[in-house]
Full PDB file with SEQRES, HELIX, SHEET, SSBOND, CRYST1, ORIGX, SCALE, CONECT and MASTER records, all heavy atoms in Angstrom:
SEQRES   1 A   34  LEU ALA ALA LEU ASP THR ALA HIS TYR GLY HIS GLY ARG          
SEQRES   2 A   34  ILE ASP TRP TRP LYS PHE ALA PRO GLN LEU LEU ARG ASP          
SEQRES   3 A   34  GLY TRP LEU ALA PRO ASP ASP ALA                              
HELIX    1 AA1 ALA A    2  HIS A    8  1                                   7    
HELIX    2 AA2 TRP A   16  ARG A   25  1                                  10    
CRYST1    1.000    1.000    1.000  90.00  90.00  90.00 P 1           1          
ORIGX1      1.000000  0.000000  0.000000        0.00000                         
ORIGX2      0.000000  1.000000  0.000000        0.00000                         
ORIGX3      0.000000  0.000000  1.000000        0.00000                         
SCALE1      1.000000  0.000000  0.000000        0.00000                         
SCALE2      0.000000  1.000000  0.000000        0.00000                         
SCALE3      0.000000  0.000000  1.000000        0.00000                         
ATOM      1  N   LEU A   1       0.768  -1.174   0.002  1.00  0.00           N  
ATOM      2  CA  LEU A   1      -0.005  -0.064  -0.040  1.00  0.00           C  
ATOM      3  C   LEU A   1       0.870   1.202   0.042  1.00  0.00           C  
ATOM      4  O   LEU A   1       0.469   2.320  -0.495  1.00  0.00           O  
ATOM      5  CB  LEU A   1      -0.890   0.035   1.298  1.00  0.00           C  
ATOM      6  CG  LEU A   1      -1.993  -1.086   1.426  1.00  0.00           C  
ATOM      7  CD1 LEU A   1      -2.906  -0.718   2.437  1.00  0.00           C  
ATOM      8  CD2 LEU A   1      -2.856  -1.016   0.013  1.00  0.00           C  
ATOM      9  N   ALA A   2       1.982   1.144   0.492  1.00  0.00           N  
ATOM     10  CA  ALA A   2       2.992   2.358   0.502  1.00  0.00           C  
ATOM     11  C   ALA A   2       3.349   2.685  -1.059  1.00  0.00           C  
ATOM     12  O   ALA A   2       3.232   3.865  -1.275  1.00  0.00           O  
ATOM     13  CB  ALA A   2       4.273   1.932   1.166  1.00  0.00           C  
ATOM     14  N   ALA A   3       3.626   1.776  -1.779  1.00  0.00           N  
ATOM     15  CA  ALA A   3       3.846   2.045  -3.236  1.00  0.00           C  
ATOM     16  C   ALA A   3       2.602   2.609  -3.907  1.00  0.00           C  
ATOM     17  O   ALA A   3       2.710   3.629  -4.725  1.00  0.00           O  
ATOM     18  CB  ALA A   3       4.410   0.774  -3.970  1.00  0.00           C  
ATOM     19  N   LEU A   4       1.467   2.010  -3.622  1.00  0.00           N  
ATOM     20  CA  LEU A   4       0.301   2.524  -4.201  1.00  0.00           C  
ATOM     21  C   LEU A   4      -0.121   3.938  -3.754  1.00  0.00           C  
ATOM     22  O   LEU A   4      -0.440   4.760  -4.681  1.00  0.00           O  
ATOM     23  CB  LEU A   4      -0.850   1.452  -3.903  1.00  0.00           C  
ATOM     24  CG  LEU A   4      -2.266   1.807  -4.524  1.00  0.00           C  
ATOM     25  CD1 LEU A   4      -2.218   1.653  -6.066  1.00  0.00           C  
ATOM     26  CD2 LEU A   4      -3.271   0.853  -3.994  1.00  0.00           C  
ATOM     27  N   ASP A   5       0.114   4.123  -2.572  1.00  0.00           N  
ATOM     28  CA  ASP A   5      -0.177   5.469  -2.001  1.00  0.00           C  
ATOM     29  C   ASP A   5       0.831   6.507  -2.519  1.00  0.00           C  
ATOM     30  O   ASP A   5       0.235   7.603  -2.902  1.00  0.00           O  
ATOM     31  CB  ASP A   5      -0.061   5.450  -0.442  1.00  0.00           C  
ATOM     32  CG  ASP A   5      -0.085   6.798   0.191  1.00  0.00           C  
ATOM     33  OD1 ASP A   5      -1.298   7.412   0.160  1.00  0.00           O  
ATOM     34  OD2 ASP A   5       0.960   7.248   0.711  1.00  0.00           O  
ATOM     35  N   THR A   6       2.120   6.236  -2.602  1.00  0.00           N  
ATOM     36  CA  THR A   6       2.956   7.227  -3.166  1.00  0.00           C  
ATOM     37  C   THR A   6       2.593   7.700  -4.516  1.00  0.00           C  
ATOM     38  O   THR A   6       2.732   8.818  -4.917  1.00  0.00           O  
ATOM     39  CB  THR A   6       4.414   6.641  -3.150  1.00  0.00           C  
ATOM     40  OG1 THR A   6       4.807   6.380  -1.798  1.00  0.00           O  
ATOM     41  CG2 THR A   6       5.325   7.678  -3.652  1.00  0.00           C  
ATOM     42  N   ALA A   7       2.152   6.655  -5.390  1.00  0.00           N  
ATOM     43  CA  ALA A   7       1.908   6.927  -6.731  1.00  0.00           C  
ATOM     44  C   ALA A   7       0.472   7.677  -6.917  1.00  0.00           C  
ATOM     45  O   ALA A   7       0.378   8.547  -7.681  1.00  0.00           O  
ATOM     46  CB  ALA A   7       1.816   5.681  -7.550  1.00  0.00           C  
ATOM     47  N   HIS A   8      -0.498   7.273  -6.117  1.00  0.00           N  
ATOM     48  CA  HIS A   8      -1.813   7.754  -6.494  1.00  0.00           C  
ATOM     49  C   HIS A   8      -2.549   8.666  -5.401  1.00  0.00           C  
ATOM     50  O   HIS A   8      -3.588   9.216  -5.672  1.00  0.00           O  
ATOM     51  CB  HIS A   8      -2.662   6.465  -6.713  1.00  0.00           C  
ATOM     52  CG  HIS A   8      -2.324   5.694  -7.956  1.00  0.00           C  
ATOM     53  ND1 HIS A   8      -2.615   6.131  -9.159  1.00  0.00           N  
ATOM     54  CD2 HIS A   8      -1.634   4.546  -8.086  1.00  0.00           C  
ATOM     55  CE1 HIS A   8      -2.238   5.227 -10.062  1.00  0.00           C  
ATOM     56  NE2 HIS A   8      -1.596   4.288  -9.368  1.00  0.00           N  
ATOM     57  N   TYR A   9      -1.893   8.673  -4.141  1.00  0.00           N  
ATOM     58  CA  TYR A   9      -2.688   9.368  -3.172  1.00  0.00           C  
ATOM     59  C   TYR A   9      -1.791  10.418  -2.379  1.00  0.00           C  
ATOM     60  O   TYR A   9      -1.999  11.601  -2.253  1.00  0.00           O  
ATOM     61  CB  TYR A   9      -3.260   8.432  -2.158  1.00  0.00           C  
ATOM     62  CG  TYR A   9      -4.394   7.548  -2.622  1.00  0.00           C  
ATOM     63  CD1 TYR A   9      -4.136   6.354  -3.285  1.00  0.00           C  
ATOM     64  CD2 TYR A   9      -5.656   8.105  -2.727  1.00  0.00           C  
ATOM     65  CE1 TYR A   9      -5.064   5.540  -3.699  1.00  0.00           C  
ATOM     66  CE2 TYR A   9      -6.715   7.275  -3.319  1.00  0.00           C  
ATOM     67  CZ  TYR A   9      -6.378   6.033  -3.686  1.00  0.00           C  
ATOM     68  OH  TYR A   9      -7.324   5.259  -4.340  1.00  0.00           O  
ATOM     69  N   GLY A  10      -0.634   9.943  -1.861  1.00  0.00           N  
ATOM     70  CA  GLY A  10       0.224  10.895  -1.226  1.00  0.00           C  
ATOM     71  C   GLY A  10       0.055  11.064   0.282  1.00  0.00           C  
ATOM     72  O   GLY A  10       0.443  12.122   0.810  1.00  0.00           O  
ATOM     73  N   HIS A  11      -0.731  10.100   0.891  1.00  0.00           N  
ATOM     74  CA  HIS A  11      -0.939  10.212   2.365  1.00  0.00           C  
ATOM     75  C   HIS A  11       0.271  10.156   3.158  1.00  0.00           C  
ATOM     76  O   HIS A  11       0.563  10.901   4.075  1.00  0.00           O  
ATOM     77  CB  HIS A  11      -1.837   9.095   2.823  1.00  0.00           C  
ATOM     78  CG  HIS A  11      -3.241   9.199   2.197  1.00  0.00           C  
ATOM     79  ND1 HIS A  11      -4.069  10.300   2.338  1.00  0.00           N  
ATOM     80  CD2 HIS A  11      -4.031   8.277   1.557  1.00  0.00           C  
ATOM     81  CE1 HIS A  11      -5.207  10.200   1.758  1.00  0.00           C  
ATOM     82  NE2 HIS A  11      -5.264   8.914   1.233  1.00  0.00           N  
ATOM     83  N   GLY A  12       1.282   9.305   2.804  1.00  0.00           N  
ATOM     84  CA  GLY A  12       2.499   9.029   3.476  1.00  0.00           C  
ATOM     85  C   GLY A  12       2.101   8.114   4.680  1.00  0.00           C  
ATOM     86  O   GLY A  12       2.720   7.081   4.854  1.00  0.00           O  
ATOM     87  N   ARG A  13       1.261   8.483   5.564  1.00  0.00           N  
ATOM     88  CA  ARG A  13       0.871   7.643   6.619  1.00  0.00           C  
ATOM     89  C   ARG A  13      -0.691   7.915   6.895  1.00  0.00           C  
ATOM     90  O   ARG A  13      -1.142   9.045   6.990  1.00  0.00           O  
ATOM     91  CB  ARG A  13       1.546   7.923   7.928  1.00  0.00           C  
ATOM     92  CG  ARG A  13       1.344   6.865   9.010  1.00  0.00           C  
ATOM     93  CD  ARG A  13       2.248   6.905  10.278  1.00  0.00           C  
ATOM     94  NE  ARG A  13       2.173   5.861  11.162  1.00  0.00           N  
ATOM     95  CZ  ARG A  13       2.836   4.796  11.237  1.00  0.00           C  
ATOM     96  NH1 ARG A  13       3.900   4.558  10.383  1.00  0.00           N  
ATOM     97  NH2 ARG A  13       2.661   3.913  12.049  1.00  0.00           N  
ATOM     98  N   ILE A  14      -1.427   6.851   7.046  1.00  0.00           N  
ATOM     99  CA  ILE A  14      -2.862   6.994   7.291  1.00  0.00           C  
ATOM    100  C   ILE A  14      -3.442   5.596   7.855  1.00  0.00           C  
ATOM    101  O   ILE A  14      -2.896   4.600   7.537  1.00  0.00           O  
ATOM    102  CB  ILE A  14      -3.617   7.288   5.857  1.00  0.00           C  
ATOM    103  CG1 ILE A  14      -5.118   7.458   6.115  1.00  0.00           C  
ATOM    104  CG2 ILE A  14      -3.424   6.182   4.839  1.00  0.00           C  
ATOM    105  CD1 ILE A  14      -5.891   7.834   4.808  1.00  0.00           C  
ATOM    106  N   ASP A  15      -4.371   5.809   8.779  1.00  0.00           N  
ATOM    107  CA  ASP A  15      -4.912   4.694   9.368  1.00  0.00           C  
ATOM    108  C   ASP A  15      -5.543   3.740   8.291  1.00  0.00           C  
ATOM    109  O   ASP A  15      -6.253   4.189   7.351  1.00  0.00           O  
ATOM    110  CB  ASP A  15      -6.088   4.976  10.444  1.00  0.00           C  
ATOM    111  CG  ASP A  15      -5.421   5.603  11.614  1.00  0.00           C  
ATOM    112  OD1 ASP A  15      -4.331   5.384  12.061  1.00  0.00           O  
ATOM    113  OD2 ASP A  15      -6.119   6.574  12.073  1.00  0.00           O  
ATOM    114  N   TRP A  16      -5.317   2.444   8.388  1.00  0.00           N  
ATOM    115  CA  TRP A  16      -5.810   1.562   7.421  1.00  0.00           C  
ATOM    116  C   TRP A  16      -7.305   1.653   7.314  1.00  0.00           C  
ATOM    117  O   TRP A  16      -7.942   1.448   6.209  1.00  0.00           O  
ATOM    118  CB  TRP A  16      -5.451   0.051   7.768  1.00  0.00           C  
ATOM    119  CG  TRP A  16      -3.956  -0.204   7.781  1.00  0.00           C  
ATOM    120  CD1 TRP A  16      -2.995   0.763   7.446  1.00  0.00           C  
ATOM    121  CD2 TRP A  16      -3.276  -1.393   8.050  1.00  0.00           C  
ATOM    122  NE1 TRP A  16      -1.668   0.155   7.530  1.00  0.00           N  
ATOM    123  CE2 TRP A  16      -1.860  -1.143   7.928  1.00  0.00           C  
ATOM    124  CE3 TRP A  16      -3.665  -2.673   8.330  1.00  0.00           C  
ATOM    125  CZ2 TRP A  16      -0.929  -2.123   8.121  1.00  0.00           C  
ATOM    126  CZ3 TRP A  16      -2.810  -3.656   8.595  1.00  0.00           C  
ATOM    127  CH2 TRP A  16      -1.365  -3.347   8.537  1.00  0.00           C  
ATOM    128  N   TRP A  17      -8.093   1.850   8.340  1.00  0.00           N  
ATOM    129  CA  TRP A  17      -9.549   1.854   8.337  1.00  0.00           C  
ATOM    130  C   TRP A  17     -10.012   3.123   7.618  1.00  0.00           C  
ATOM    131  O   TRP A  17     -11.109   3.120   7.175  1.00  0.00           O  
ATOM    132  CB  TRP A  17     -10.107   1.695   9.747  1.00  0.00           C  
ATOM    133  CG  TRP A  17      -9.851   2.718  10.662  1.00  0.00           C  
ATOM    134  CD1 TRP A  17     -10.356   3.988  10.720  1.00  0.00           C  
ATOM    135  CD2 TRP A  17      -8.934   2.744  11.754  1.00  0.00           C  
ATOM    136  NE1 TRP A  17      -9.848   4.648  11.765  1.00  0.00           N  
ATOM    137  CE2 TRP A  17      -8.913   3.922  12.417  1.00  0.00           C  
ATOM    138  CE3 TRP A  17      -8.135   1.734  12.235  1.00  0.00           C  
ATOM    139  CZ2 TRP A  17      -8.096   4.136  13.520  1.00  0.00           C  
ATOM    140  CZ3 TRP A  17      -7.254   1.958  13.221  1.00  0.00           C  
ATOM    141  CH2 TRP A  17      -7.284   3.192  14.000  1.00  0.00           C  
ATOM    142  N   LYS A  18      -9.198   4.135   7.527  1.00  0.00           N  
ATOM    143  CA  LYS A  18      -9.567   5.265   6.802  1.00  0.00           C  
ATOM    144  C   LYS A  18      -9.053   5.229   5.342  1.00  0.00           C  
ATOM    145  O   LYS A  18      -9.752   5.812   4.412  1.00  0.00           O  
ATOM    146  CB  LYS A  18      -8.712   6.460   7.391  1.00  0.00           C  
ATOM    147  CG  LYS A  18      -9.134   6.907   8.704  1.00  0.00           C  
ATOM    148  CD  LYS A  18      -8.382   8.130   9.227  1.00  0.00           C  
ATOM    149  CE  LYS A  18      -8.783   8.492  10.755  1.00  0.00           C  
ATOM    150  NZ  LYS A  18      -7.892   9.607  11.182  1.00  0.00           N  
ATOM    151  N   PHE A  19      -8.017   4.450   5.057  1.00  0.00           N  
ATOM    152  CA  PHE A  19      -7.597   4.330   3.703  1.00  0.00           C  
ATOM    153  C   PHE A  19      -8.337   3.308   2.887  1.00  0.00           C  
ATOM    154  O   PHE A  19      -8.747   3.386   1.686  1.00  0.00           O  
ATOM    155  CB  PHE A  19      -6.137   3.765   3.621  1.00  0.00           C  
ATOM    156  CG  PHE A  19      -5.371   4.022   2.278  1.00  0.00           C  
ATOM    157  CD1 PHE A  19      -5.858   4.806   1.448  1.00  0.00           C  
ATOM    158  CD2 PHE A  19      -4.146   3.333   2.090  1.00  0.00           C  
ATOM    159  CE1 PHE A  19      -5.165   5.076   0.213  1.00  0.00           C  
ATOM    160  CE2 PHE A  19      -3.556   3.444   0.917  1.00  0.00           C  
ATOM    161  CZ  PHE A  19      -4.020   4.389   0.018  1.00  0.00           C  
ATOM    162  N   ALA A  20      -8.905   2.255   3.680  1.00  0.00           N  
ATOM    163  CA  ALA A  20      -9.747   1.282   2.965  1.00  0.00           C  
ATOM    164  C   ALA A  20     -10.958   1.740   2.237  1.00  0.00           C  
ATOM    165  O   ALA A  20     -11.185   1.337   0.916  1.00  0.00           O  
ATOM    166  CB  ALA A  20     -10.156   0.132   3.986  1.00  0.00           C  
ATOM    167  N   PRO A  21     -11.738   2.548   2.635  1.00  0.00           N  
ATOM    168  CA  PRO A  21     -12.844   3.196   1.847  1.00  0.00           C  
ATOM    169  C   PRO A  21     -12.465   3.858   0.698  1.00  0.00           C  
ATOM    170  O   PRO A  21     -13.177   3.852  -0.407  1.00  0.00           O  
ATOM    171  CB  PRO A  21     -13.591   4.178   2.870  1.00  0.00           C  
ATOM    172  CG  PRO A  21     -13.171   3.626   4.302  1.00  0.00           C  
ATOM    173  CD  PRO A  21     -11.852   3.198   4.058  1.00  0.00           C  
ATOM    174  N   GLN A  22     -11.301   4.575   0.691  1.00  0.00           N  
ATOM    175  CA  GLN A  22     -10.673   5.231  -0.444  1.00  0.00           C  
ATOM    176  C   GLN A  22     -10.480   4.231  -1.543  1.00  0.00           C  
ATOM    177  O   GLN A  22     -10.612   4.430  -2.785  1.00  0.00           O  
ATOM    178  CB  GLN A  22      -9.579   6.109  -0.103  1.00  0.00           C  
ATOM    179  CG  GLN A  22      -9.893   7.230   0.852  1.00  0.00           C  
ATOM    180  CD  GLN A  22      -8.689   8.058   1.295  1.00  0.00           C  
ATOM    181  OE1 GLN A  22      -7.713   8.146   0.471  1.00  0.00           O  
ATOM    182  NE2 GLN A  22      -8.733   8.709   2.320  1.00  0.00           N  
ATOM    183  N   LEU A  23      -9.699   3.256  -1.100  1.00  0.00           N  
ATOM    184  CA  LEU A  23      -9.308   2.147  -2.108  1.00  0.00           C  
ATOM    185  C   LEU A  23     -10.439   1.434  -2.665  1.00  0.00           C  
ATOM    186  O   LEU A  23     -10.571   1.060  -3.907  1.00  0.00           O  
ATOM    187  CB  LEU A  23      -8.391   1.143  -1.489  1.00  0.00           C  
ATOM    188  CG  LEU A  23      -7.130   1.677  -0.864  1.00  0.00           C  
ATOM    189  CD1 LEU A  23      -6.338   0.718  -0.056  1.00  0.00           C  
ATOM    190  CD2 LEU A  23      -6.102   2.132  -2.148  1.00  0.00           C  
ATOM    191  N   LEU A  24     -11.601   1.326  -1.951  1.00  0.00           N  
ATOM    192  CA  LEU A  24     -12.819   0.708  -2.438  1.00  0.00           C  
ATOM    193  C   LEU A  24     -13.407   1.691  -3.445  1.00  0.00           C  
ATOM    194  O   LEU A  24     -13.757   1.334  -4.548  1.00  0.00           O  
ATOM    195  CB  LEU A  24     -13.758   0.409  -1.316  1.00  0.00           C  
ATOM    196  CG  LEU A  24     -15.268  -0.001  -1.646  1.00  0.00           C  
ATOM    197  CD1 LEU A  24     -15.201  -1.312  -2.424  1.00  0.00           C  
ATOM    198  CD2 LEU A  24     -16.053  -0.135  -0.371  1.00  0.00           C  
ATOM    199  N   ARG A  25     -13.610   2.947  -3.058  1.00  0.00           N  
ATOM    200  CA  ARG A  25     -14.165   3.988  -3.975  1.00  0.00           C  
ATOM    201  C   ARG A  25     -13.440   4.054  -5.132  1.00  0.00           C  
ATOM    202  O   ARG A  25     -14.213   4.109  -6.281  1.00  0.00           O  
ATOM    203  CB  ARG A  25     -14.149   5.403  -3.143  1.00  0.00           C  
ATOM    204  CG  ARG A  25     -14.689   6.455  -3.937  1.00  0.00           C  
ATOM    205  CD  ARG A  25     -14.056   7.781  -3.318  1.00  0.00           C  
ATOM    206  NE  ARG A  25     -12.662   7.995  -3.473  1.00  0.00           N  
ATOM    207  CZ  ARG A  25     -11.921   8.726  -2.779  1.00  0.00           C  
ATOM    208  NH1 ARG A  25     -12.324   9.471  -1.806  1.00  0.00           N  
ATOM    209  NH2 ARG A  25     -10.590   8.751  -3.059  1.00  0.00           N  
ATOM    210  N   ASP A  26     -12.196   3.973  -5.337  1.00  0.00           N  
ATOM    211  CA  ASP A  26     -11.432   4.255  -6.458  1.00  0.00           C  
ATOM    212  C   ASP A  26     -11.239   2.880  -7.217  1.00  0.00           C  
ATOM    213  O   ASP A  26     -10.341   2.830  -8.218  1.00  0.00           O  
ATOM    214  CB  ASP A  26     -10.068   4.809  -6.177  1.00  0.00           C  
ATOM    215  CG  ASP A  26     -10.333   6.296  -5.569  1.00  0.00           C  
ATOM    216  OD1 ASP A  26     -11.400   6.785  -5.780  1.00  0.00           O  
ATOM    217  OD2 ASP A  26      -9.315   6.751  -4.910  1.00  0.00           O  
ATOM    218  N   GLY A  27     -11.723   1.769  -6.806  1.00  0.00           N  
ATOM    219  CA  GLY A  27     -11.578   0.540  -7.607  1.00  0.00           C  
ATOM    220  C   GLY A  27     -10.514  -0.328  -7.317  1.00  0.00           C  
ATOM    221  O   GLY A  27     -10.167  -1.285  -8.131  1.00  0.00           O  
ATOM    222  N   TRP A  28      -9.635   0.098  -6.364  1.00  0.00           N  
ATOM    223  CA  TRP A  28      -8.392  -0.800  -6.180  1.00  0.00           C  
ATOM    224  C   TRP A  28      -8.789  -1.986  -5.350  1.00  0.00           C  
ATOM    225  O   TRP A  28      -7.995  -3.030  -5.437  1.00  0.00           O  
ATOM    226  CB  TRP A  28      -7.366   0.037  -5.451  1.00  0.00           C  
ATOM    227  CG  TRP A  28      -6.761   1.136  -6.140  1.00  0.00           C  
ATOM    228  CD1 TRP A  28      -6.871   2.458  -6.171  1.00  0.00           C  
ATOM    229  CD2 TRP A  28      -5.737   0.919  -7.229  1.00  0.00           C  
ATOM    230  NE1 TRP A  28      -6.207   3.062  -7.049  1.00  0.00           N  
ATOM    231  CE2 TRP A  28      -5.407   2.181  -7.767  1.00  0.00           C  
ATOM    232  CE3 TRP A  28      -5.170  -0.214  -7.737  1.00  0.00           C  
ATOM    233  CZ2 TRP A  28      -4.572   2.399  -8.771  1.00  0.00           C  
ATOM    234  CZ3 TRP A  28      -4.230  -0.008  -8.756  1.00  0.00           C  
ATOM    235  CH2 TRP A  28      -3.972   1.185  -9.275  1.00  0.00           C  
ATOM    236  N   LEU A  29      -9.722  -2.063  -4.463  1.00  0.00           N  
ATOM    237  CA  LEU A  29     -10.167  -3.155  -3.639  1.00  0.00           C  
ATOM    238  C   LEU A  29     -11.584  -3.445  -3.864  1.00  0.00           C  
ATOM    239  O   LEU A  29     -12.507  -2.596  -4.049  1.00  0.00           O  
ATOM    240  CB  LEU A  29      -9.947  -2.759  -2.169  1.00  0.00           C  
ATOM    241  CG  LEU A  29      -8.496  -2.804  -1.627  1.00  0.00           C  
ATOM    242  CD1 LEU A  29      -8.519  -2.512  -0.092  1.00  0.00           C  
ATOM    243  CD2 LEU A  29      -7.955  -4.274  -1.783  1.00  0.00           C  
ATOM    244  N   ALA A  30     -12.004  -4.726  -3.711  1.00  0.00           N  
ATOM    245  CA  ALA A  30     -13.285  -5.116  -3.711  1.00  0.00           C  
ATOM    246  C   ALA A  30     -13.936  -4.975  -2.306  1.00  0.00           C  
ATOM    247  O   ALA A  30     -13.143  -4.706  -1.369  1.00  0.00           O  
ATOM    248  CB  ALA A  30     -13.411  -6.605  -4.058  1.00  0.00           C  
ATOM    249  N   PRO A  31     -15.206  -4.940  -2.148  1.00  0.00           N  
ATOM    250  CA  PRO A  31     -15.847  -4.571  -0.856  1.00  0.00           C  
ATOM    251  C   PRO A  31     -15.316  -5.505   0.319  1.00  0.00           C  
ATOM    252  O   PRO A  31     -15.039  -4.961   1.336  1.00  0.00           O  
ATOM    253  CB  PRO A  31     -17.319  -4.655  -1.145  1.00  0.00           C  
ATOM    254  CG  PRO A  31     -17.494  -4.426  -2.557  1.00  0.00           C  
ATOM    255  CD  PRO A  31     -16.277  -5.020  -3.211  1.00  0.00           C  
ATOM    256  N   ASP A  32     -15.308  -6.785   0.102  1.00  0.00           N  
ATOM    257  CA  ASP A  32     -14.921  -7.677   1.239  1.00  0.00           C  
ATOM    258  C   ASP A  32     -13.473  -7.383   1.634  1.00  0.00           C  
ATOM    259  O   ASP A  32     -13.178  -7.428   2.742  1.00  0.00           O  
ATOM    260  CB  ASP A  32     -15.117  -9.147   0.652  1.00  0.00           C  
ATOM    261  CG  ASP A  32     -16.522  -9.577   0.713  1.00  0.00           C  
ATOM    262  OD1 ASP A  32     -17.398  -8.929   1.216  1.00  0.00           O  
ATOM    263  OD2 ASP A  32     -16.782 -10.647   0.157  1.00  0.00           O  
ATOM    264  N   ASP A  33     -12.626  -7.201   0.673  1.00  0.00           N  
ATOM    265  CA  ASP A  33     -11.249  -6.942   1.029  1.00  0.00           C  
ATOM    266  C   ASP A  33     -11.068  -5.529   1.659  1.00  0.00           C  
ATOM    267  O   ASP A  33     -10.191  -5.362   2.578  1.00  0.00           O  
ATOM    268  CB  ASP A  33     -10.332  -6.980  -0.244  1.00  0.00           C  
ATOM    269  CG  ASP A  33      -9.968  -8.428  -0.747  1.00  0.00           C  
ATOM    270  OD1 ASP A  33     -10.087  -9.379   0.065  1.00  0.00           O  
ATOM    271  OD2 ASP A  33      -9.560  -8.649  -1.762  1.00  0.00           O  
ATOM    272  N   ALA A  34     -11.774  -4.563   1.157  1.00  0.00           N  
ATOM    273  CA  ALA A  34     -11.744  -3.318   1.914  1.00  0.00           C  
ATOM    274  C   ALA A  34     -12.147  -3.341   3.397  1.00  0.00           C  
ATOM    275  O   ALA A  34     -11.561  -2.779   4.220  1.00  0.00           O  
ATOM    276  CB  ALA A  34     -12.643  -2.245   1.152  1.00  0.00           C  
TER     277      ALA A  34                                                      
MASTER        0    0    0    2    0    0    0    6  276    1    0    3          
END                                                                             
């Protein structure tokens, strides 16, 4: 997720439970995995 974040988001550090909905919204993760 660090590599993905650096390329597409730039959070640097973010709680996983906050990042998961963004990854779901943007199509990187399916609902169950998010």
